[in-house]
C-alpha atoms as a PDB file:
ATOM      1  CA  MET A   1     117.605 130.209 122.244  1.00  0.00           C
ATOM      2  CA  GLY A   2     115.298 132.657 124.286  1.00  0.00           C
ATOM      3  CA  GLY A   3     112.351 131.730 121.962  1.00  0.00           C
ATOM      4  CA  LEU A   4     112.842 127.932 122.523  1.00  0.00           C
ATOM      5  CA  VAL A   5     112.697 128.529 126.281  1.00  0.00           C
ATOM      6  CA  ILE A   6     109.475 130.404 125.848  1.00  0.00           C
ATOM      7  CA  ALA A   7     108.190 127.813 123.355  1.00  0.00           C
ATOM      8  CA  LEU A   8     108.874 125.153 126.161  1.00  0.00           C
ATOM      9  CA  LEU A   9     107.208 127.009 128.868  1.00  0.00           C
ATOM     10  CA  VAL A  10     104.057 127.164 126.955  1.00  0.00           C
ATOM     11  CA  VAL A  11     104.098 123.727 125.747  1.00  0.00           C
ATOM     12  CA  SER A  12     105.324 122.214 129.288  1.00  0.00           C
ATOM     13  CA  PRO A  13     101.705 122.485 130.792  1.00  0.00           C
ATOM     14  CA  LEU A  14     100.269 120.764 127.850  1.00  0.00           C
ATOM     15  CA  ILE A  15     102.739 117.941 127.940  1.00  0.00           C
ATOM     16  CA  SER A  16     102.235 117.329 131.537  1.00  0.00           C
ATOM     17  CA  ALA A  17      98.303 117.583 131.597  1.00  0.00           C
ATOM     18  CA  ASP A  18      96.449 114.739 133.224  1.00  0.00           C
ATOM     19  CA  PRO A  19      95.496 112.545 130.182  1.00  0.00           C
ATOM     20  CA  ILE A  20      91.977 112.168 131.727  1.00  0.00           C
ATOM     21  CA  VAL A  21      91.477 116.057 130.814  1.00  0.00           C
ATOM     22  CA  GLU A  22      91.891 115.199 127.373  1.00  0.00           C
ATOM     23  CA  ALA A  23      89.152 112.449 127.273  1.00  0.00           C
ATOM     24  CA  PRO A  24      86.176 114.093 125.900  1.00  0.00           C
ATOM     25  CA  ARG A  25      87.899 114.740 122.686  1.00  0.00           C
ATOM     26  CA  SER A  26      89.155 111.169 122.875  1.00  0.00           C
ATOM     27  CA  CYS A  27      86.431 109.288 124.482  1.00  0.00           C
ATOM     28  CA  THR A  28      85.534 107.644 121.303  1.00  0.00           C
ATOM     29  CA  VAL A  29      89.012 106.152 120.606  1.00  0.00           C
ATOM     30  CA  LEU A  30      88.915 104.629 124.057  1.00  0.00           C
ATOM     31  CA  SER A  31      87.914 101.166 125.244  1.00  0.00           C
ATOM     32  CA  PRO A  32      84.356 101.239 126.892  1.00  0.00           C
ATOM     33  CA  ALA A  33      85.792 100.635 130.111  1.00  0.00           C
ATOM     34  CA  GLU A  34      88.366 103.364 129.852  1.00  0.00           C
ATOM     35  CA  ALA A  35      85.582 105.784 128.592  1.00  0.00           C
ATOM     36  CA  LYS A  36      83.389 104.872 131.612  1.00  0.00           C
ATOM     37  CA  ALA A  37      86.400 105.332 133.865  1.00  0.00           C
ATOM     38  CA  SER A  38      86.647 108.908 132.336  1.00  0.00           C
ATOM     39  CA  ALA A  39      83.108 109.483 132.463  1.00  0.00           C
ATOM     40  CA  ASP A  40      83.094 108.594 136.240  1.00  0.00           C
ATOM     41  CA  ALA A  41      86.036 111.052 136.863  1.00  0.00           C
ATOM     42  CA  PHE A  42      84.333 113.970 135.009  1.00  0.00           C
ATOM     43  CA  TYR A  43      81.334 113.245 136.967  1.00  0.00           C
ATOM     44  CA  GLU A  44      82.931 113.382 140.265  1.00  0.00           C
ATOM     45  CA  ARG A  45      84.608 116.532 139.309  1.00  0.00           C
ATOM     46  CA  GLY A  46      81.180 118.040 138.478  1.00  0.00           C
ATOM     47  CA  ASP A  47      82.100 118.230 134.675  1.00  0.00           C
ATOM     48  CA  PHE A  48      78.726 116.837 133.544  1.00  0.00           C
ATOM     49  CA  GLN A  49      79.039 117.482 129.915  1.00  0.00           C
ATOM     50  CA  ASP A  50      82.302 115.856 129.381  1.00  0.00           C
ATOM     51  CA  ALA A  51      80.923 113.019 131.463  1.00  0.00           C
ATOM     52  CA  GLY A  52      78.065 112.648 129.219  1.00  0.00           C
ATOM     53  CA  LYS A  53      79.986 112.519 126.203  1.00  0.00           C
ATOM     54  CA  CYS A  54      82.380 109.749 127.753  1.00  0.00           C
ATOM     55  CA  TYR A  55      79.387 107.773 129.087  1.00  0.00           C
ATOM     56  CA  GLU A  56      78.066 107.854 125.545  1.00  0.00           C
ATOM     57  CA  ALA A  57      81.358 106.652 124.264  1.00  0.00           C
ATOM     58  CA  ALA A  58      81.301 103.895 126.746  1.00  0.00           C
ATOM     59  CA  GLY A  59      77.684 102.819 125.698  1.00  0.00           C
ATOM     60  CA  ASP A  60      76.070 104.101 128.387  1.00  0.00           C
ATOM     61  CA  PRO A  61      73.025 106.132 127.390  1.00  0.00           C
ATOM     62  CA  SER A  62      71.104 106.392 130.566  1.00  0.00           C
ATOM     63  CA  ARG A  63      73.926 107.681 132.634  1.00  0.00           C
ATOM     64  CA  ALA A  64      75.061 110.124 129.760  1.00  0.00           C
ATOM     65  CA  GLN A  65      71.303 111.598 130.148  1.00  0.00           C
ATOM     66  CA  LEU A  66      71.740 111.927 133.526  1.00  0.00           C
ATOM     67  CA  ALA A  67      74.998 113.701 133.366  1.00  0.00           C
ATOM     68  CA  TYR A  68      73.656 115.875 130.736  1.00  0.00           C
ATOM     69  CA  LEU A  69      70.567 116.587 132.836  1.00  0.00           C
ATOM     70  CA  LYS A  70      72.760 117.768 135.513  1.00  0.00           C
ATOM     71  CA  ALA A  71      74.772 119.975 133.094  1.00  0.00           C
ATOM     72  CA  VAL A  72      71.483 121.990 132.223  1.00  0.00           C
ATOM     73  CA  ARG A  73      71.114 123.912 135.430  1.00  0.00           C
ATOM     74  CA  PRO A  74      75.026 125.267 135.623  1.00  0.00           C
ATOM     75  CA  ASN A  75      74.932 126.144 132.035  1.00  0.00           C
ATOM     76  CA  ALA A  76      71.583 127.915 132.476  1.00  0.00           C
ATOM     77  CA  GLU A  77      73.042 129.788 135.277  1.00  0.00           C
ATOM     78  CA  VAL A  78      76.040 131.050 133.548  1.00  0.00           C
ATOM     79  CA  ALA A  79      73.885 132.199 130.458  1.00  0.00           C
ATOM     80  CA  ALA A  80      71.506 133.941 132.897  1.00  0.00           C
ATOM     81  CA  ARG A  81      74.442 135.783 134.422  1.00  0.00           C
ATOM     82  CA  ASP A  82      76.060 136.663 130.835  1.00  0.00           C
ATOM     83  CA  LEU A  83      72.498 137.777 129.679  1.00  0.00           C
ATOM     84  CA  GLU A  84      72.223 140.032 133.053  1.00  0.00           C
ATOM     85  CA  GLN A  85      75.693 141.567 132.184  1.00  0.00           C
ATOM     86  CA  GLN A  86      74.797 142.215 128.541  1.00  0.00           C
ATOM     87  CA  ARG A  87      71.597 143.941 129.764  1.00  0.00           C
ATOM     88  CA  ASN A  88      73.444 146.012 132.214  1.00  0.00           C
ATOM     89  CA  ALA A  89      76.124 146.877 129.728  1.00  0.00           C
ATOM     90  CA  ALA A  90      73.495 147.857 127.283  1.00  0.00           C
ATOM     91  CA  ARG A  91      71.730 150.169 129.713  1.00  0.00           C
ATOM     92  CA  ALA A  92      74.955 151.855 130.504  1.00  0.00           C
ATOM     93  CA  GLN A  93      75.482 152.689 126.848  1.00  0.00           C
ATOM     94  CA  LEU A  94      72.002 153.900 126.340  1.00  0.00           C
ATOM     95  CA  ALA A  95      72.483 155.992 129.436  1.00  0.00           C
ATOM     96  CA  GLN A  96      75.551 157.496 128.057  1.00  0.00           C
ATOM     97  CA  LEU A  97      74.143 157.963 124.540  1.00  0.00           C
ATOM     98  CA  GLN A  98      71.372 159.833 126.255  1.00  0.00           C
ATOM     99  CA  GLN A  99      73.573 161.919 128.412  1.00  0.00           C
ATOM    100  CA  ALA A 100      75.739 162.980 125.547  1.00  0.00           C
ATOM    101  CA  PHE A 101      72.434 164.009 123.289  1.00  0.00           C
ATOM    102  CA  ARG A 102      71.276 166.077 126.228  1.00  0.00           C
ATOM    103  CA  THR A 103      74.687 167.740 126.907  1.00  0.00           C
ATOM    104  CA  HIS A 104      75.039 168.627 122.963  1.00  0.00           C
ATOM    105  CA  HIS A 105      71.534 169.893 122.245  1.00  0.00           C
END
């Protein structure tokens, strides 16, 4: 019985999720008008990548390209932050390795 409760708690947010959130995967099965409405909602929330996918499904390539262009900058900023974090981690590991060699030799 306890496992069933846990399973329901895990699945419950998925069942009650807003159907628009699922739209990028299903934009191709929506009518063009529904895909455009989903795209507009994503665009307003700043989710430009998903908006672009839905605009493509709606048959609006110019809006899709605009949405994809707007998605480039946030994606590039995230990639730059990730690269900086990886570089800092590599430097820290190198410093630890150098310190280990100094103390043992």
